[in-house]
Amino acid sequence: MSTWQEIADLFYGEQAEEGMNAFMAQAGQLSALPQAAEIVNPLFDALEQGDYLYAADLLLYETEDKKNPEKKFDLGVK
């Protein structure tokens, strides 16, 4: 599980304070991810407004799914 997944899980689990602490500790690394460039402003806006579920969605989609585009279409059907 990636750091971003762990942070998103905190936000999804309504552990906003822990999620924010973890996010702020890793925020500098976000700029190193080229696929995350387009979400930096919306992500910080969501966090500022307390919309942690949207922030978690942005973190997961931009940092995880774009590394593995076929993941979006994996429905778990075998």
PDB file of N, CA and C in Angstrom:
ATOM      1  N   MET A   1       0.853  -1.168   0.000  1.00  0.00           N
ATOM      2  CA  MET A   1       0.000   0.000   0.000  1.00  0.00           C
ATOM      3  C   MET A   1       0.902   1.235   0.000  1.00  0.00           C
ATOM      4  N   SER A   2       0.565   2.162  -0.872  1.00  0.00           N
ATOM      5  CA  SER A   2       1.382   3.369  -0.972  1.00  0.00           C
ATOM      6  C   SER A   2       1.050   4.347   0.158  1.00  0.00           C
ATOM      7  N   THR A   3       1.925   5.289   0.334  1.00  0.00           N
ATOM      8  CA  THR A   3       1.701   6.344   1.323  1.00  0.00           C
ATOM      9  C   THR A   3       0.406   7.091   1.016  1.00  0.00           C
ATOM     10  N   TRP A   4       0.160   7.352  -0.277  1.00  0.00           N
ATOM     11  CA  TRP A   4      -1.040   8.090  -0.672  1.00  0.00           C
ATOM     12  C   TRP A   4      -2.293   7.276  -0.383  1.00  0.00           C
ATOM     13  N   GLN A   5      -2.216   5.967  -0.585  1.00  0.00           N
ATOM     14  CA  GLN A   5      -3.345   5.088  -0.256  1.00  0.00           C
ATOM     15  C   GLN A   5      -3.614   5.139   1.250  1.00  0.00           C
ATOM     16  N   GLU A   6      -2.556   5.110   2.038  1.00  0.00           N
ATOM     17  CA  GLU A   6      -2.715   5.167   3.494  1.00  0.00           C
ATOM     18  C   GLU A   6      -3.365   6.482   3.930  1.00  0.00           C
ATOM     19  N   ILE A   7      -2.943   7.582   3.306  1.00  0.00           N
ATOM     20  CA  ILE A   7      -3.525   8.884   3.638  1.00  0.00           C
ATOM     21  C   ILE A   7      -4.994   8.921   3.219  1.00  0.00           C
ATOM     22  N   ALA A   8      -5.275   8.434   2.022  1.00  0.00           N
ATOM     23  CA  ALA A   8      -6.666   8.394   1.554  1.00  0.00           C
ATOM     24  C   ALA A   8      -7.522   7.545   2.487  1.00  0.00           C
ATOM     25  N   ASP A   9      -6.991   6.426   2.933  1.00  0.00           N
ATOM     26  CA  ASP A   9      -7.737   5.562   3.851  1.00  0.00           C
ATOM     27  C   ASP A   9      -8.068   6.290   5.152  1.00  0.00           C
ATOM     28  N   LEU A  10      -7.145   7.118   5.627  1.00  0.00           N
ATOM     29  CA  LEU A  10      -7.429   7.907   6.831  1.00  0.00           C
ATOM     30  C   LEU A  10      -8.580   8.874   6.574  1.00  0.00           C
ATOM     31  N   PHE A  11      -8.549   9.542   5.412  1.00  0.00           N
ATOM     32  CA  PHE A  11      -9.634  10.465   5.084  1.00  0.00           C
ATOM     33  C   PHE A  11     -10.955   9.721   4.918  1.00  0.00           C
ATOM     34  N   TYR A  12     -10.924   8.582   4.231  1.00  0.00           N
ATOM     35  CA  TYR A  12     -12.152   7.801   4.049  1.00  0.00           C
ATOM     36  C   TYR A  12     -12.684   7.296   5.386  1.00  0.00           C
ATOM     37  N   GLY A  13     -11.775   7.011   6.303  1.00  0.00           N
ATOM     38  CA  GLY A  13     -12.168   6.521   7.623  1.00  0.00           C
ATOM     39  C   GLY A  13     -12.534   7.630   8.596  1.00  0.00           C
ATOM     40  N   GLU A  14     -12.703   8.842   8.064  1.00  0.00           N
ATOM     41  CA  GLU A  14     -13.090  10.003   8.864  1.00  0.00           C
ATOM     42  C   GLU A  14     -12.094  10.306   9.976  1.00  0.00           C
ATOM     43  N   GLN A  15     -10.828  10.079   9.676  1.00  0.00           N
ATOM     44  CA  GLN A  15      -9.744  10.410  10.597  1.00  0.00           C
ATOM     45  C   GLN A  15      -8.998  11.612  10.014  1.00  0.00           C
ATOM     46  N   ALA A  16      -9.715  12.730   9.928  1.00  0.00           N
ATOM     47  CA  ALA A  16      -9.208  13.912   9.240  1.00  0.00           C
ATOM     48  C   ALA A  16      -7.909  14.438   9.832  1.00  0.00           C
ATOM     49  N   GLU A  17      -7.828  14.511  11.140  1.00  0.00           N
ATOM     50  CA  GLU A  17      -6.619  15.064  11.762  1.00  0.00           C
ATOM     51  C   GLU A  17      -5.401  14.202  11.447  1.00  0.00           C
ATOM     52  N   GLU A  18      -5.551  12.898  11.577  1.00  0.00           N
ATOM     53  CA  GLU A  18      -4.444  11.992  11.267  1.00  0.00           C
ATOM     54  C   GLU A  18      -4.097  12.058   9.783  1.00  0.00           C
ATOM     55  N   GLY A  19      -5.124  12.136   8.943  1.00  0.00           N
ATOM     56  CA  GLY A  19      -4.903  12.241   7.503  1.00  0.00           C
ATOM     57  C   GLY A  19      -4.170  13.517   7.130  1.00  0.00           C
ATOM     58  N   MET A  20      -4.569  14.633   7.738  1.00  0.00           N
ATOM     59  CA  MET A  20      -3.900  15.906   7.461  1.00  0.00           C
ATOM     60  C   MET A  20      -2.453  15.880   7.930  1.00  0.00           C
ATOM     61  N   ASN A  21      -2.207  15.316   9.100  1.00  0.00           N
ATOM     62  CA  ASN A  21      -0.827  15.221   9.590  1.00  0.00           C
ATOM     63  C   ASN A  21       0.026  14.391   8.641  1.00  0.00           C
ATOM     64  N   ALA A  22      -0.508  13.261   8.203  1.00  0.00           N
ATOM     65  CA  ALA A  22       0.230  12.396   7.281  1.00  0.00           C
ATOM     66  C   ALA A  22       0.419  13.088   5.934  1.00  0.00           C
ATOM     67  N   PHE A  23      -0.622  13.774   5.457  1.00  0.00           N
ATOM     68  CA  PHE A  23      -0.520  14.476   4.180  1.00  0.00           C
ATOM     69  C   PHE A  23       0.537  15.568   4.238  1.00  0.00           C
ATOM     70  N   MET A  24       0.498  16.385   5.272  1.00  0.00           N
ATOM     71  CA  MET A  24       1.455  17.489   5.373  1.00  0.00           C
ATOM     72  C   MET A  24       2.891  16.985   5.475  1.00  0.00           C
ATOM     73  N   ALA A  25       3.087  15.823   6.081  1.00  0.00           N
ATOM     74  CA  ALA A  25       4.429  15.244   6.167  1.00  0.00           C
ATOM     75  C   ALA A  25       4.928  14.789   4.797  1.00  0.00           C
ATOM     76  N   GLN A  26       4.012  14.510   3.870  1.00  0.00           N
ATOM     77  CA  GLN A  26       4.385  13.997   2.552  1.00  0.00           C
ATOM     78  C   GLN A  26       4.116  14.981   1.414  1.00  0.00           C
ATOM     79  N   ALA A  27       3.540  16.131   1.701  1.00  0.00           N
ATOM     80  CA  ALA A  27       3.098  17.063   0.662  1.00  0.00           C
ATOM     81  C   ALA A  27       4.207  17.449  -0.309  1.00  0.00           C
ATOM     82  N   GLY A  28       5.417  17.584   0.171  1.00  0.00           N
ATOM     83  CA  GLY A  28       6.527  17.942  -0.705  1.00  0.00           C
ATOM     84  C   GLY A  28       6.793  16.909  -1.778  1.00  0.00           C
ATOM     85  N   GLN A  29       6.533  15.661  -1.477  1.00  0.00           N
ATOM     86  CA  GLN A  29       6.755  14.593  -2.453  1.00  0.00           C
ATOM     87  C   GLN A  29       5.717  14.607  -3.563  1.00  0.00           C
ATOM     88  N   LEU A  30       4.561  15.192  -3.293  1.00  0.00           N
ATOM     89  CA  LEU A  30       3.507  15.228  -4.295  1.00  0.00           C
ATOM     90  C   LEU A  30       3.962  15.975  -5.542  1.00  0.00           C
ATOM     91  N   SER A  31       4.737  17.035  -5.354  1.00  0.00           N
ATOM     92  CA  SER A  31       5.205  17.815  -6.502  1.00  0.00           C
ATOM     93  C   SER A  31       6.194  17.036  -7.359  1.00  0.00           C
ATOM     94  N   ALA A  32       6.758  15.968  -6.827  1.00  0.00           N
ATOM     95  CA  ALA A  32       7.692  15.145  -7.595  1.00  0.00           C
ATOM     96  C   ALA A  32       6.976  14.167  -8.521  1.00  0.00           C
ATOM     97  N   LEU A  33       5.662  14.045  -8.376  1.00  0.00           N
ATOM     98  CA  LEU A  33       4.888  13.134  -9.218  1.00  0.00           C
ATOM     99  C   LEU A  33       4.298  13.910 -10.389  1.00  0.00           C
ATOM    100  N   PRO A  34       4.827  13.704 -11.600  1.00  0.00           N
ATOM    101  CA  PRO A  34       4.318  14.459 -12.753  1.00  0.00           C
ATOM    102  C   PRO A  34       2.816  14.276 -12.952  1.00  0.00           C
ATOM    103  N   GLN A  35       2.306  13.075 -12.667  1.00  0.00           N
ATOM    104  CA  GLN A  35       0.885  12.812 -12.870  1.00  0.00           C
ATOM    105  C   GLN A  35       0.008  13.549 -11.867  1.00  0.00           C
ATOM    106  N   ALA A  36       0.600  14.093 -10.826  1.00  0.00           N
ATOM    107  CA  ALA A  36      -0.184  14.788  -9.804  1.00  0.00           C
ATOM    108  C   ALA A  36      -0.233  16.300 -10.018  1.00  0.00           C
ATOM    109  N   ALA A  37       0.505  16.810 -10.998  1.00  0.00           N
ATOM    110  CA  ALA A  37       0.589  18.258 -11.199  1.00  0.00           C
ATOM    111  C   ALA A  37      -0.777  18.911 -11.382  1.00  0.00           C
ATOM    112  N   GLU A  38      -1.661  18.246 -12.099  1.00  0.00           N
ATOM    113  CA  GLU A  38      -2.959  18.858 -12.388  1.00  0.00           C
ATOM    114  C   GLU A  38      -3.919  18.859 -11.199  1.00  0.00           C
ATOM    115  N   ILE A  39      -3.593  18.148 -10.134  1.00  0.00           N
ATOM    116  CA  ILE A  39      -4.514  18.103  -8.995  1.00  0.00           C
ATOM    117  C   ILE A  39      -4.034  18.869  -7.773  1.00  0.00           C
ATOM    118  N   VAL A  40      -2.862  19.448  -7.839  1.00  0.00           N
ATOM    119  CA  VAL A  40      -2.324  20.119  -6.655  1.00  0.00           C
ATOM    120  C   VAL A  40      -3.283  21.203  -6.153  1.00  0.00           C
ATOM    121  N   ASN A  41      -3.708  22.103  -7.028  1.00  0.00           N
ATOM    122  CA  ASN A  41      -4.615  23.173  -6.587  1.00  0.00           C
ATOM    123  C   ASN A  41      -5.967  22.631  -6.126  1.00  0.00           C
ATOM    124  N   PRO A  42      -6.639  21.757  -6.920  1.00  0.00           N
ATOM    125  CA  PRO A  42      -7.919  21.221  -6.425  1.00  0.00           C
ATOM    126  C   PRO A  42      -7.773  20.439  -5.122  1.00  0.00           C
ATOM    127  N   LEU A  43      -6.652  19.755  -4.966  1.00  0.00           N
ATOM    128  CA  LEU A  43      -6.427  18.982  -3.749  1.00  0.00           C
ATOM    129  C   LEU A  43      -6.321  19.897  -2.533  1.00  0.00           C
ATOM    130  N   PHE A  44      -5.509  20.936  -2.648  1.00  0.00           N
ATOM    131  CA  PHE A  44      -5.371  21.859  -1.522  1.00  0.00           C
ATOM    132  C   PHE A  44      -6.674  22.619  -1.264  1.00  0.00           C
ATOM    133  N   ASP A  45      -7.424  22.936  -2.325  1.00  0.00           N
ATOM    134  CA  ASP A  45      -8.736  23.571  -2.135  1.00  0.00           C
ATOM    135  C   ASP A  45      -9.669  22.657  -1.349  1.00  0.00           C
ATOM    136  N   ALA A  46      -9.692  21.381  -1.716  1.00  0.00           N
ATOM    137  CA  ALA A  46     -10.557  20.416  -1.022  1.00  0.00           C
ATOM    138  C   ALA A  46     -10.166  20.304   0.449  1.00  0.00           C
ATOM    139  N   LEU A  47      -8.869  20.238   0.707  1.00  0.00           N
ATOM    140  CA  LEU A  47      -8.408  20.131   2.091  1.00  0.00           C
ATOM    141  C   LEU A  47      -8.758  21.386   2.884  1.00  0.00           C
ATOM    142  N   GLU A  48      -8.581  22.539   2.254  1.00  0.00           N
ATOM    143  CA  GLU A  48      -8.896  23.805   2.925  1.00  0.00           C
ATOM    144  C   GLU A  48     -10.381  23.891   3.271  1.00  0.00           C
ATOM    145  N   GLN A  49     -11.228  23.329   2.408  1.00  0.00           N
ATOM    146  CA  GLN A  49     -12.676  23.368   2.627  1.00  0.00           C
ATOM    147  C   GLN A  49     -13.167  22.216   3.502  1.00  0.00           C
ATOM    148  N   GLY A  50     -12.260  21.330   3.884  1.00  0.00           N
ATOM    149  CA  GLY A  50     -12.648  20.200   4.726  1.00  0.00           C
ATOM    150  C   GLY A  50     -13.338  19.080   3.970  1.00  0.00           C
ATOM    151  N   ASP A  51     -13.174  19.051   2.649  1.00  0.00           N
ATOM    152  CA  ASP A  51     -13.784  18.003   1.825  1.00  0.00           C
ATOM    153  C   ASP A  51     -12.773  16.860   1.687  1.00  0.00           C
ATOM    154  N   TYR A  52     -12.633  16.094   2.748  1.00  0.00           N
ATOM    155  CA  TYR A  52     -11.601  15.066   2.809  1.00  0.00           C
ATOM    156  C   TYR A  52     -11.895  13.872   1.909  1.00  0.00           C
ATOM    157  N   LEU A  53     -13.165  13.595   1.651  1.00  0.00           N
ATOM    158  CA  LEU A  53     -13.493  12.491   0.746  1.00  0.00           C
ATOM    159  C   LEU A  53     -13.060  12.822  -0.677  1.00  0.00           C
ATOM    160  N   TYR A  54     -13.310  14.048  -1.114  1.00  0.00           N
ATOM    161  CA  TYR A  54     -12.868  14.454  -2.447  1.00  0.00           C
ATOM    162  C   TYR A  54     -11.345  14.467  -2.518  1.00  0.00           C
ATOM    163  N   ALA A  55     -10.704  14.941  -1.475  1.00  0.00           N
ATOM    164  CA  ALA A  55      -9.239  14.940  -1.436  1.00  0.00           C
ATOM    165  C   ALA A  55      -8.707  13.515  -1.553  1.00  0.00           C
ATOM    166  N   ALA A  56      -9.333  12.582  -0.855  1.00  0.00           N
ATOM    167  CA  ALA A  56      -8.915  11.178  -0.934  1.00  0.00           C
ATOM    168  C   ALA A  56      -9.111  10.641  -2.340  1.00  0.00           C
ATOM    169  N   ASP A  57     -10.239  10.975  -2.960  1.00  0.00           N
ATOM    170  CA  ASP A  57     -10.483  10.542  -4.338  1.00  0.00           C
ATOM    171  C   ASP A  57      -9.401  11.075  -5.269  1.00  0.00           C
ATOM    172  N   LEU A  58      -9.070  12.350  -5.123  1.00  0.00           N
ATOM    173  CA  LEU A  58      -8.028  12.946  -5.962  1.00  0.00           C
ATOM    174  C   LEU A  58      -6.687  12.254  -5.748  1.00  0.00           C
ATOM    175  N   LEU A  59      -6.328  12.034  -4.509  1.00  0.00           N
ATOM    176  CA  LEU A  59      -5.057  11.369  -4.212  1.00  0.00           C
ATOM    177  C   LEU A  59      -4.983   9.998  -4.863  1.00  0.00           C
ATOM    178  N   LEU A  60      -6.017   9.225  -4.728  1.00  0.00           N
ATOM    179  CA  LEU A  60      -5.999   7.869  -5.277  1.00  0.00           C
ATOM    180  C   LEU A  60      -6.001   7.871  -6.788  1.00  0.00           C
ATOM    181  N   TYR A  61      -6.867   8.649  -7.391  1.00  0.00           N
ATOM    182  CA  TYR A  61      -6.952   8.652  -8.845  1.00  0.00           C
ATOM    183  C   TYR A  61      -5.664   9.155  -9.475  1.00  0.00           C
ATOM    184  N   GLU A  62      -5.164  10.251  -8.986  1.00  0.00           N
ATOM    185  CA  GLU A  62      -4.008  10.865  -9.626  1.00  0.00           C
ATOM    186  C   GLU A  62      -2.693  10.168  -9.318  1.00  0.00           C
ATOM    187  N   THR A  63      -2.551   9.606  -8.148  1.00  0.00           N
ATOM    188  CA  THR A  63      -1.259   9.008  -7.811  1.00  0.00           C
ATOM    189  C   THR A  63      -1.220   7.516  -8.057  1.00  0.00           C
ATOM    190  N   GLU A  64      -2.356   6.842  -8.018  1.00  0.00           N
ATOM    191  CA  GLU A  64      -2.377   5.389  -8.189  1.00  0.00           C
ATOM    192  C   GLU A  64      -2.865   4.975  -9.564  1.00  0.00           C
ATOM    193  N   ASP A  65      -4.076   5.377  -9.945  1.00  0.00           N
ATOM    194  CA  ASP A  65      -4.671   4.899 -11.179  1.00  0.00           C
ATOM    195  C   ASP A  65      -3.915   5.339 -12.418  1.00  0.00           C
ATOM    196  N   LYS A  66      -3.357   6.536 -12.422  1.00  0.00           N
ATOM    197  CA  LYS A  66      -2.655   6.995 -13.617  1.00  0.00           C
ATOM    198  C   LYS A  66      -1.339   6.253 -13.824  1.00  0.00           C
ATOM    199  N   LYS A  67      -0.789   5.666 -12.774  1.00  0.00           N
ATOM    200  CA  LYS A  67       0.411   4.852 -12.951  1.00  0.00           C
ATOM    201  C   LYS A  67       0.046   3.548 -13.644  1.00  0.00           C
ATOM    202  N   ASN A  68      -1.208   3.128 -13.485  1.00  0.00           N
ATOM    203  CA  ASN A  68      -1.655   1.844 -13.997  1.00  0.00           C
ATOM    204  C   ASN A  68      -3.048   2.035 -14.606  1.00  0.00           C
ATOM    205  N   PRO A  69      -3.133   2.611 -15.830  1.00  0.00           N
ATOM    206  CA  PRO A  69      -4.433   2.961 -16.400  1.00  0.00           C
ATOM    207  C   PRO A  69      -5.402   1.790 -16.517  1.00  0.00           C
ATOM    208  N   GLU A  70      -4.910   0.584 -16.753  1.00  0.00           N
ATOM    209  CA  GLU A  70      -5.820  -0.547 -16.884  1.00  0.00           C
ATOM    210  C   GLU A  70      -6.492  -0.884 -15.558  1.00  0.00           C
ATOM    211  N   LYS A  71      -5.959  -0.372 -14.453  1.00  0.00           N
ATOM    212  CA  LYS A  71      -6.547  -0.611 -13.139  1.00  0.00           C
ATOM    213  C   LYS A  71      -7.977  -0.079 -13.080  1.00  0.00           C
ATOM    214  N   LYS A  72      -8.258   1.012 -13.795  1.00  0.00           N
ATOM    215  CA  LYS A  72      -9.583   1.600 -13.784  1.00  0.00           C
ATOM    216  C   LYS A  72     -10.634   0.625 -14.306  1.00  0.00           C
ATOM    217  N   PHE A  73     -10.217  -0.276 -15.184  1.00  0.00           N
ATOM    218  CA  PHE A  73     -11.161  -1.167 -15.834  1.00  0.00           C
ATOM    219  C   PHE A  73     -11.176  -2.552 -15.226  1.00  0.00           C
ATOM    220  N   ASP A  74     -10.386  -2.769 -14.209  1.00  0.00           N
ATOM    221  CA  ASP A  74     -10.355  -4.063 -13.546  1.00  0.00           C
ATOM    222  C   ASP A  74     -11.517  -4.132 -12.565  1.00  0.00           C
ATOM    223  N   LEU A  75     -12.541  -4.890 -12.941  1.00  0.00           N
ATOM    224  CA  LEU A  75     -13.722  -5.010 -12.096  1.00  0.00           C
ATOM    225  C   LEU A  75     -13.654  -6.215 -11.187  1.00  0.00           C
ATOM    226  N   GLY A  76     -12.539  -6.915 -11.216  1.00  0.00           N
ATOM    227  CA  GLY A  76     -12.380  -8.085 -10.371  1.00  0.00           C
ATOM    228  C   GLY A  76     -13.061  -9.314 -10.933  1.00  0.00           C
ATOM    229  N   VAL A  77     -13.497  -9.259 -12.176  1.00  0.00           N
ATOM    230  CA  VAL A  77     -14.173 -10.391 -12.808  1.00  0.00           C
ATOM    231  C   VAL A  77     -13.132 -11.260 -13.485  1.00  0.00           C
ATOM    232  N   LYS A  78     -13.196 -12.538 -13.188  1.00  0.00           N
ATOM    233  CA  LYS A  78     -12.222 -13.456 -13.787  1.00  0.00           C
ATOM    234  C   LYS A  78     -12.912 -14.444 -14.676  1.00  0.00           C
TER     235      LYS A  78
END
